Amino acid sequence: MKSIPRAEALQISRQILKNAEEERIALTTDAISLLHDRYIGDDPERKASLEEERIKSELQKAFCAGAQWWAVKHTQYCMWRSDVHQTEKEAERRYE
């Protein structure tokens, strides 16, 4: 059996990984599209509900990011995981 140079083997394996990642992304995108079409479709009520949930999610993320920024700015330390969890719960409560 003939061996190939290491550089060539690395290049081939990188290309294989790149192709696999592109396929995974394509499959994920297709799956999301199929689910969206199936459960949301053209229903204006469901579209509005989805948009509302996306906005809530963005507000919750911004709230948590702000709390983490404040913790670092004022204490010079990051938040404990339990504090992050409490912040996430508070964000859910505020932006229900």
C-alpha atoms as a PDB file:
ATOM      1  CA  MET A   1       0.000   0.000   0.000  1.00  0.00           C
ATOM      2  CA  LYS A   2       1.352   3.405  -1.009  1.00  0.00           C
ATOM      3  CA  SER A   3       1.461   6.134   1.635  1.00  0.00           C
ATOM      4  CA  ILE A   4       0.759   9.758   0.811  1.00  0.00           C
ATOM      5  CA  PRO A   5       2.691  12.743   2.130  1.00  0.00           C
ATOM      6  CA  ARG A   6       1.512  14.169   5.447  1.00  0.00           C
ATOM      7  CA  ALA A   7       0.678  17.612   3.967  1.00  0.00           C
ATOM      8  CA  GLU A   8      -1.495  16.022   1.308  1.00  0.00           C
ATOM      9  CA  ALA A   9      -3.238  13.827   3.878  1.00  0.00           C
ATOM     10  CA  LEU A  10      -3.978  16.895   6.031  1.00  0.00           C
ATOM     11  CA  GLN A  11      -5.359  18.772   3.044  1.00  0.00           C
ATOM     12  CA  ILE A  12      -7.627  15.847   2.142  1.00  0.00           C
ATOM     13  CA  SER A  13      -8.893  15.463   5.702  1.00  0.00           C
ATOM     14  CA  ARG A  14      -9.579  19.216   5.936  1.00  0.00           C
ATOM     15  CA  GLN A  15     -11.577  19.060   2.702  1.00  0.00           C
ATOM     16  CA  ILE A  16     -13.568  16.087   3.982  1.00  0.00           C
ATOM     17  CA  LEU A  17     -14.347  17.928   7.224  1.00  0.00           C
ATOM     18  CA  LYS A  18     -15.326  21.071   5.318  1.00  0.00           C
ATOM     19  CA  ASN A  19     -17.672  19.104   3.066  1.00  0.00           C
ATOM     20  CA  ALA A  20     -19.216  17.341   6.072  1.00  0.00           C
ATOM     21  CA  GLU A  21     -19.782  20.677   7.835  1.00  0.00           C
ATOM     22  CA  GLU A  22     -21.405  22.169   4.734  1.00  0.00           C
ATOM     23  CA  GLU A  23     -23.699  19.136   4.470  1.00  0.00           C
ATOM     24  CA  ARG A  24     -24.604  19.387   8.171  1.00  0.00           C
ATOM     25  CA  ILE A  25     -25.440  23.082   7.812  1.00  0.00           C
ATOM     26  CA  ALA A  26     -27.520  22.372   4.705  1.00  0.00           C
ATOM     27  CA  LEU A  27     -29.408  19.571   6.482  1.00  0.00           C
ATOM     28  CA  THR A  28     -30.014  21.761   9.534  1.00  0.00           C
ATOM     29  CA  THR A  29     -31.266  24.613   7.366  1.00  0.00           C
ATOM     30  CA  ASP A  30     -33.560  22.235   5.468  1.00  0.00           C
ATOM     31  CA  ALA A  31     -34.928  20.817   8.718  1.00  0.00           C
ATOM     32  CA  ILE A  32     -35.631  24.272  10.119  1.00  0.00           C
ATOM     33  CA  SER A  33     -37.378  25.254   6.883  1.00  0.00           C
ATOM     34  CA  LEU A  34     -39.501  22.106   6.952  1.00  0.00           C
ATOM     35  CA  LEU A  35     -40.504  22.668  10.577  1.00  0.00           C
ATOM     36  CA  HIS A  36     -41.270  26.324   9.900  1.00  0.00           C
ATOM     37  CA  ASP A  37     -43.428  25.428   6.913  1.00  0.00           C
ATOM     38  CA  ARG A  38     -45.229  22.710   8.844  1.00  0.00           C
ATOM     39  CA  TYR A  39     -45.965  24.578  12.083  1.00  0.00           C
ATOM     40  CA  ILE A  40     -45.976  28.244  11.048  1.00  0.00           C
ATOM     41  CA  GLY A  41     -46.714  28.258   7.328  1.00  0.00           C
ATOM     42  CA  ASP A  42     -48.746  31.261   6.169  1.00  0.00           C
ATOM     43  CA  ASP A  43     -50.798  31.559   9.367  1.00  0.00           C
ATOM     44  CA  PRO A  44     -50.538  35.254  10.357  1.00  0.00           C
ATOM     45  CA  GLU A  45     -51.397  34.475  13.978  1.00  0.00           C
ATOM     46  CA  ARG A  46     -48.575  31.948  14.290  1.00  0.00           C
ATOM     47  CA  LYS A  47     -46.140  34.268  12.494  1.00  0.00           C
ATOM     48  CA  ALA A  48     -46.978  37.037  14.966  1.00  0.00           C
ATOM     49  CA  SER A  49     -46.575  34.642  17.884  1.00  0.00           C
ATOM     50  CA  LEU A  50     -43.184  33.482  16.590  1.00  0.00           C
ATOM     51  CA  GLU A  51     -42.004  37.068  16.147  1.00  0.00           C
ATOM     52  CA  GLU A  52     -43.175  37.926  19.672  1.00  0.00           C
ATOM     53  CA  GLU A  53     -41.211  34.977  21.091  1.00  0.00           C
ATOM     54  CA  ARG A  54     -38.105  36.015  19.154  1.00  0.00           C
ATOM     55  CA  ILE A  55     -38.354  39.528  20.575  1.00  0.00           C
ATOM     56  CA  LYS A  56     -38.787  38.154  24.112  1.00  0.00           C
ATOM     57  CA  SER A  57     -35.763  35.932  23.611  1.00  0.00           C
ATOM     58  CA  GLU A  58     -33.632  38.862  22.428  1.00  0.00           C
ATOM     59  CA  LEU A  59     -34.729  40.975  25.400  1.00  0.00           C
ATOM     60  CA  GLN A  60     -33.878  38.164  27.808  1.00  0.00           C
ATOM     61  CA  LYS A  61     -30.446  37.713  26.234  1.00  0.00           C
ATOM     62  CA  ALA A  62     -29.788  41.458  26.425  1.00  0.00           C
ATOM     63  CA  PHE A  63     -30.907  41.535  30.078  1.00  0.00           C
ATOM     64  CA  CYS A  64     -28.538  38.685  30.976  1.00  0.00           C
ATOM     65  CA  ALA A  65     -25.657  40.215  29.015  1.00  0.00           C
ATOM     66  CA  GLY A  66     -26.218  43.532  30.786  1.00  0.00           C
ATOM     67  CA  ALA A  67     -26.227  41.866  34.187  1.00  0.00           C
ATOM     68  CA  GLN A  68     -23.016  40.017  33.379  1.00  0.00           C
ATOM     69  CA  TRP A  69     -21.394  43.217  32.105  1.00  0.00           C
ATOM     70  CA  TRP A  70     -22.424  45.030  35.311  1.00  0.00           C
ATOM     71  CA  ALA A  71     -20.972  42.240  37.469  1.00  0.00           C
ATOM     72  CA  VAL A  72     -17.623  42.415  35.698  1.00  0.00           C
ATOM     73  CA  LYS A  73     -17.553  46.219  35.621  1.00  0.00           C
ATOM     74  CA  HIS A  74     -18.367  46.693  39.314  1.00  0.00           C
ATOM     75  CA  THR A  75     -16.794  43.631  40.930  1.00  0.00           C
ATOM     76  CA  GLN A  76     -13.992  42.824  38.463  1.00  0.00           C
ATOM     77  CA  TYR A  77     -15.248  39.209  38.477  1.00  0.00           C
ATOM     78  CA  CYS A  78     -17.604  37.252  36.292  1.00  0.00           C
ATOM     79  CA  MET A  79     -20.871  35.893  37.645  1.00  0.00           C
ATOM     80  CA  TRP A  80     -21.133  32.481  39.272  1.00  0.00           C
ATOM     81  CA  ARG A  81     -23.185  29.978  37.304  1.00  0.00           C
ATOM     82  CA  SER A  82     -25.875  30.114  40.003  1.00  0.00           C
ATOM     83  CA  ASP A  83     -26.035  33.907  39.588  1.00  0.00           C
ATOM     84  CA  VAL A  84     -26.355  33.513  35.836  1.00  0.00           C
ATOM     85  CA  HIS A  85     -29.207  31.061  36.409  1.00  0.00           C
ATOM     86  CA  GLN A  86     -30.971  33.552  38.728  1.00  0.00           C
ATOM     87  CA  THR A  87     -30.491  36.290  36.148  1.00  0.00           C
ATOM     88  CA  GLU A  88     -32.008  34.092  33.434  1.00  0.00           C
ATOM     89  CA  LYS A  89     -35.022  33.352  35.657  1.00  0.00           C
ATOM     90  CA  GLU A  90     -35.457  37.062  36.383  1.00  0.00           C
ATOM     91  CA  ALA A  91     -35.268  37.859  32.666  1.00  0.00           C
ATOM     92  CA  GLU A  92     -37.975  35.261  31.981  1.00  0.00           C
ATOM     93  CA  ARG A  93     -40.159  36.768  34.707  1.00  0.00           C
ATOM     94  CA  ARG A  94     -39.714  40.309  33.409  1.00  0.00           C
ATOM     95  CA  TYR A  95     -40.225  39.534  29.730  1.00  0.00           C
ATOM     96  CA  GLU A  96     -43.058  36.993  29.812  1.00  0.00           C
END
